[in-house]
Amino acid sequence: MKWHVKDLALQVEQTGKTGWYFRVLKEGAVCAGDELKLIEHPFPQWTIEEANQIMHHRPDDLTAALELAACPLLSLSWKEMLSERAPLG
């Protein structure tokens, strides 16, 4: 909405260079040169790149869809979309 580009998320997704995957612990402004610090990475097997590949570019990889859907930190909407592909049973 801020950028007034209706399909901005889709455009960014298609580049494979998504970059807004930080959990916000304290609201505020981030400026060029500011440090963003990784505090924890509880599921190192799941990178943003791998999750995006499974979600958007490998629709027939049902095994990977089930494995990703089982990640407890994955958003409910992604779990639902992955489950539609390969029901969790």
N, C-alpha and C. Protein backbone atom coordinates (compact mmCIF):
# COMPACT_ATOMS: atom_id res chain seq x y z
N MET A 1 0.83 -1.19 0.00
CA MET A 1 0.00 0.00 0.00
C MET A 1 0.88 1.26 0.00
N LYS A 2 1.95 1.20 0.78
CA LYS A 2 2.82 2.36 0.88
C LYS A 2 3.37 2.77 -0.48
N TRP A 3 3.72 1.79 -1.31
CA TRP A 3 4.36 2.07 -2.59
C TRP A 3 3.36 2.22 -3.72
N HIS A 4 2.08 2.01 -3.45
CA HIS A 4 1.02 2.14 -4.45
C HIS A 4 1.24 1.24 -5.67
N VAL A 5 1.75 0.05 -5.40
CA VAL A 5 1.96 -0.95 -6.45
C VAL A 5 1.16 -2.17 -6.03
N LYS A 6 0.05 -2.40 -6.71
CA LYS A 6 -0.89 -3.43 -6.30
C LYS A 6 -0.24 -4.82 -6.22
N ASP A 7 0.63 -5.15 -7.16
CA ASP A 7 1.23 -6.49 -7.18
C ASP A 7 2.69 -6.48 -6.73
N LEU A 8 3.05 -5.58 -5.84
CA LEU A 8 4.44 -5.47 -5.39
C LEU A 8 4.93 -6.78 -4.78
N ALA A 9 4.14 -7.39 -3.92
CA ALA A 9 4.57 -8.64 -3.29
C ALA A 9 4.85 -9.71 -4.35
N LEU A 10 4.01 -9.81 -5.35
CA LEU A 10 4.22 -10.78 -6.43
C LEU A 10 5.49 -10.46 -7.20
N GLN A 11 5.69 -9.19 -7.50
CA GLN A 11 6.90 -8.79 -8.23
C GLN A 11 8.16 -9.15 -7.44
N VAL A 12 8.16 -8.90 -6.16
CA VAL A 12 9.30 -9.21 -5.31
C VAL A 12 9.49 -10.72 -5.24
N GLU A 13 8.40 -11.45 -5.06
CA GLU A 13 8.45 -12.91 -5.00
C GLU A 13 9.09 -13.48 -6.26
N GLN A 14 8.73 -12.95 -7.40
CA GLN A 14 9.25 -13.46 -8.67
C GLN A 14 10.75 -13.21 -8.83
N THR A 15 11.29 -12.22 -8.16
CA THR A 15 12.73 -11.98 -8.22
C THR A 15 13.48 -13.00 -7.36
N GLY A 16 12.78 -13.60 -6.39
CA GLY A 16 13.44 -14.51 -5.46
C GLY A 16 14.23 -13.77 -4.40
N LYS A 17 14.12 -12.47 -4.38
CA LYS A 17 14.90 -11.66 -3.44
C LYS A 17 14.00 -10.99 -2.41
N THR A 18 13.18 -11.82 -1.79
CA THR A 18 12.31 -11.29 -0.74
C THR A 18 13.17 -10.93 0.46
N GLY A 19 12.77 -9.95 1.21
CA GLY A 19 13.65 -9.51 2.28
C GLY A 19 12.96 -8.93 3.49
N TRP A 20 11.72 -9.23 3.70
CA TRP A 20 11.06 -8.65 4.86
C TRP A 20 10.72 -9.72 5.89
N TYR A 21 11.64 -10.61 6.13
CA TYR A 21 11.40 -11.73 7.02
C TYR A 21 12.14 -11.59 8.34
N PHE A 22 11.96 -10.47 8.98
CA PHE A 22 12.51 -10.26 10.30
C PHE A 22 11.34 -10.10 11.26
N ARG A 23 11.46 -10.71 12.42
CA ARG A 23 10.45 -10.52 13.46
C ARG A 23 10.74 -9.19 14.13
N VAL A 24 9.73 -8.37 14.25
CA VAL A 24 9.91 -7.05 14.85
C VAL A 24 9.72 -7.16 16.36
N LEU A 25 10.79 -6.89 17.09
CA LEU A 25 10.74 -6.94 18.55
C LEU A 25 10.45 -5.57 19.15
N LYS A 26 10.85 -4.53 18.44
CA LYS A 26 10.64 -3.17 18.92
C LYS A 26 10.35 -2.30 17.70
N GLU A 27 9.20 -1.65 17.70
CA GLU A 27 8.82 -0.80 16.57
C GLU A 27 9.76 0.38 16.48
N GLY A 28 10.09 0.75 15.25
CA GLY A 28 10.96 1.90 15.04
C GLY A 28 11.39 1.99 13.59
N ALA A 29 12.28 2.87 13.31
CA ALA A 29 12.77 3.08 11.94
C ALA A 29 14.09 2.35 11.75
N VAL A 30 14.29 1.84 10.54
CA VAL A 30 15.55 1.23 10.14
C VAL A 30 16.09 2.05 9.00
N CYS A 31 17.34 2.43 9.11
CA CYS A 31 17.97 3.27 8.11
C CYS A 31 19.12 2.52 7.46
N ALA A 32 19.51 2.95 6.28
CA ALA A 32 20.67 2.38 5.60
C ALA A 32 21.85 2.42 6.54
N GLY A 33 22.55 1.30 6.64
CA GLY A 33 23.71 1.22 7.51
C GLY A 33 23.41 0.70 8.90
N ASP A 34 22.13 0.64 9.29
CA ASP A 34 21.77 0.11 10.60
C ASP A 34 22.04 -1.39 10.63
N GLU A 35 22.37 -1.90 11.78
CA GLU A 35 22.65 -3.32 11.95
C GLU A 35 21.35 -4.07 12.28
N LEU A 36 21.12 -5.17 11.58
CA LEU A 36 20.03 -6.09 11.90
C LEU A 36 20.71 -7.34 12.42
N LYS A 37 20.31 -7.80 13.58
CA LYS A 37 21.01 -8.87 14.27
C LYS A 37 20.15 -10.13 14.32
N LEU A 38 20.73 -11.26 13.87
CA LEU A 38 20.07 -12.55 13.99
C LEU A 38 20.22 -13.02 15.42
N ILE A 39 19.10 -13.21 16.10
CA ILE A 39 19.13 -13.60 17.50
C ILE A 39 19.04 -15.12 17.64
N GLU A 40 18.21 -15.74 16.82
CA GLU A 40 18.10 -17.20 16.84
C GLU A 40 17.65 -17.69 15.49
N HIS A 41 17.93 -18.95 15.20
CA HIS A 41 17.54 -19.59 13.95
C HIS A 41 17.17 -21.03 14.28
N PRO A 42 15.96 -21.23 14.86
CA PRO A 42 15.59 -22.54 15.40
C PRO A 42 15.40 -23.64 14.36
N PHE A 43 15.21 -23.30 13.10
CA PHE A 43 15.03 -24.30 12.06
C PHE A 43 15.98 -24.00 10.91
N PRO A 44 17.27 -24.24 11.10
CA PRO A 44 18.27 -23.86 10.09
C PRO A 44 18.09 -24.58 8.76
N GLN A 45 17.38 -25.68 8.74
CA GLN A 45 17.15 -26.38 7.48
C GLN A 45 16.19 -25.61 6.57
N TRP A 46 15.45 -24.66 7.13
CA TRP A 46 14.50 -23.88 6.35
C TRP A 46 15.02 -22.47 6.14
N THR A 47 15.48 -22.22 4.94
CA THR A 47 15.85 -20.86 4.58
C THR A 47 14.66 -20.23 3.88
N ILE A 48 14.66 -18.91 3.78
CA ILE A 48 13.60 -18.22 3.06
C ILE A 48 13.62 -18.67 1.60
N GLU A 49 14.81 -18.82 1.05
CA GLU A 49 14.91 -19.26 -0.35
C GLU A 49 14.28 -20.64 -0.55
N GLU A 50 14.58 -21.59 0.33
CA GLU A 50 14.03 -22.93 0.19
C GLU A 50 12.51 -22.92 0.37
N ALA A 51 12.02 -22.19 1.36
CA ALA A 51 10.58 -22.11 1.56
C ALA A 51 9.89 -21.50 0.34
N ASN A 52 10.46 -20.44 -0.22
CA ASN A 52 9.88 -19.83 -1.42
C ASN A 52 9.92 -20.78 -2.61
N GLN A 53 10.99 -21.52 -2.75
CA GLN A 53 11.08 -22.49 -3.85
C GLN A 53 9.97 -23.53 -3.73
N ILE A 54 9.79 -24.08 -2.53
CA ILE A 54 8.74 -25.09 -2.33
C ILE A 54 7.37 -24.49 -2.57
N MET A 55 7.13 -23.32 -2.03
CA MET A 55 5.81 -22.70 -2.13
C MET A 55 5.47 -22.26 -3.54
N HIS A 56 6.42 -21.68 -4.24
CA HIS A 56 6.10 -21.01 -5.49
C HIS A 56 6.64 -21.67 -6.76
N HIS A 57 7.62 -22.54 -6.63
CA HIS A 57 8.25 -23.07 -7.84
C HIS A 57 8.30 -24.58 -7.91
N ARG A 58 7.91 -25.26 -6.84
CA ARG A 58 7.92 -26.73 -6.84
C ARG A 58 6.57 -27.26 -6.35
N PRO A 59 5.50 -26.95 -7.07
CA PRO A 59 4.17 -27.34 -6.60
C PRO A 59 3.93 -28.85 -6.54
N ASP A 60 4.73 -29.62 -7.26
CA ASP A 60 4.53 -31.07 -7.27
C ASP A 60 5.38 -31.81 -6.25
N ASP A 61 6.21 -31.10 -5.51
CA ASP A 61 7.07 -31.72 -4.50
C ASP A 61 6.27 -31.85 -3.20
N LEU A 62 5.44 -32.90 -3.15
CA LEU A 62 4.53 -33.08 -2.01
C LEU A 62 5.27 -33.41 -0.72
N THR A 63 6.38 -34.13 -0.83
CA THR A 63 7.17 -34.45 0.37
C THR A 63 7.70 -33.19 1.01
N ALA A 64 8.28 -32.32 0.20
CA ALA A 64 8.82 -31.06 0.72
C ALA A 64 7.69 -30.19 1.27
N ALA A 65 6.53 -30.19 0.61
CA ALA A 65 5.39 -29.41 1.09
C ALA A 65 4.96 -29.87 2.48
N LEU A 66 4.90 -31.18 2.69
CA LEU A 66 4.53 -31.71 4.00
C LEU A 66 5.57 -31.36 5.06
N GLU A 67 6.84 -31.48 4.70
CA GLU A 67 7.90 -31.17 5.66
C GLU A 67 7.87 -29.69 6.05
N LEU A 68 7.70 -28.83 5.07
CA LEU A 68 7.63 -27.39 5.36
C LEU A 68 6.39 -27.06 6.17
N ALA A 69 5.26 -27.65 5.82
CA ALA A 69 4.01 -27.39 6.54
C ALA A 69 4.09 -27.81 8.01
N ALA A 70 4.98 -28.74 8.32
CA ALA A 70 5.12 -29.22 9.70
C ALA A 70 5.97 -28.28 10.56
N CYS A 71 6.58 -27.27 9.96
CA CYS A 71 7.39 -26.33 10.73
C CYS A 71 6.46 -25.50 11.63
N PRO A 72 6.63 -25.57 12.94
CA PRO A 72 5.69 -24.88 13.83
C PRO A 72 5.71 -23.36 13.74
N LEU A 73 6.77 -22.78 13.20
CA LEU A 73 6.83 -21.33 13.10
C LEU A 73 6.31 -20.79 11.77
N LEU A 74 5.92 -21.68 10.87
CA LEU A 74 5.39 -21.25 9.58
C LEU A 74 4.02 -20.60 9.77
N SER A 75 3.74 -19.60 8.97
CA SER A 75 2.45 -18.91 9.11
C SER A 75 1.30 -19.86 8.80
N LEU A 76 0.18 -19.61 9.44
CA LEU A 76 -1.00 -20.44 9.22
C LEU A 76 -1.43 -20.43 7.76
N SER A 77 -1.34 -19.28 7.11
CA SER A 77 -1.76 -19.22 5.71
C SER A 77 -0.89 -20.10 4.82
N TRP A 78 0.41 -20.13 5.07
CA TRP A 78 1.29 -21.00 4.28
C TRP A 78 1.00 -22.47 4.59
N LYS A 79 0.79 -22.79 5.86
CA LYS A 79 0.46 -24.17 6.23
C LYS A 79 -0.80 -24.63 5.50
N GLU A 80 -1.79 -23.75 5.44
CA GLU A 80 -3.04 -24.10 4.77
C GLU A 80 -2.82 -24.30 3.27
N MET A 81 -2.05 -23.42 2.65
CA MET A 81 -1.79 -23.56 1.21
C MET A 81 -1.01 -24.83 0.91
N LEU A 82 -0.02 -25.13 1.72
CA LEU A 82 0.76 -26.36 1.53
C LEU A 82 -0.09 -27.59 1.78
N SER A 83 -0.96 -27.52 2.77
CA SER A 83 -1.83 -28.64 3.10
C SER A 83 -2.84 -28.92 2.00
N GLU A 84 -3.26 -27.91 1.28
CA GLU A 84 -4.17 -28.11 0.15
C GLU A 84 -3.50 -28.94 -0.93
N ARG A 85 -2.18 -28.79 -1.07
CA ARG A 85 -1.40 -29.55 -2.03
C ARG A 85 -1.22 -30.98 -1.60
N ALA A 86 -0.86 -31.13 -0.33
CA ALA A 86 -0.56 -32.45 0.22
C ALA A 86 -1.16 -32.51 1.62
N PRO A 87 -2.39 -32.98 1.73
CA PRO A 87 -3.07 -32.99 3.04
C PRO A 87 -2.20 -33.62 4.12
N LEU A 88 -2.19 -32.97 5.29
CA LEU A 88 -1.33 -33.42 6.38
C LEU A 88 -1.79 -34.74 6.99
N GLY A 89 -3.05 -35.13 6.76
CA GLY A 89 -3.55 -36.41 7.23
C GLY A 89 -3.36 -36.56 8.66
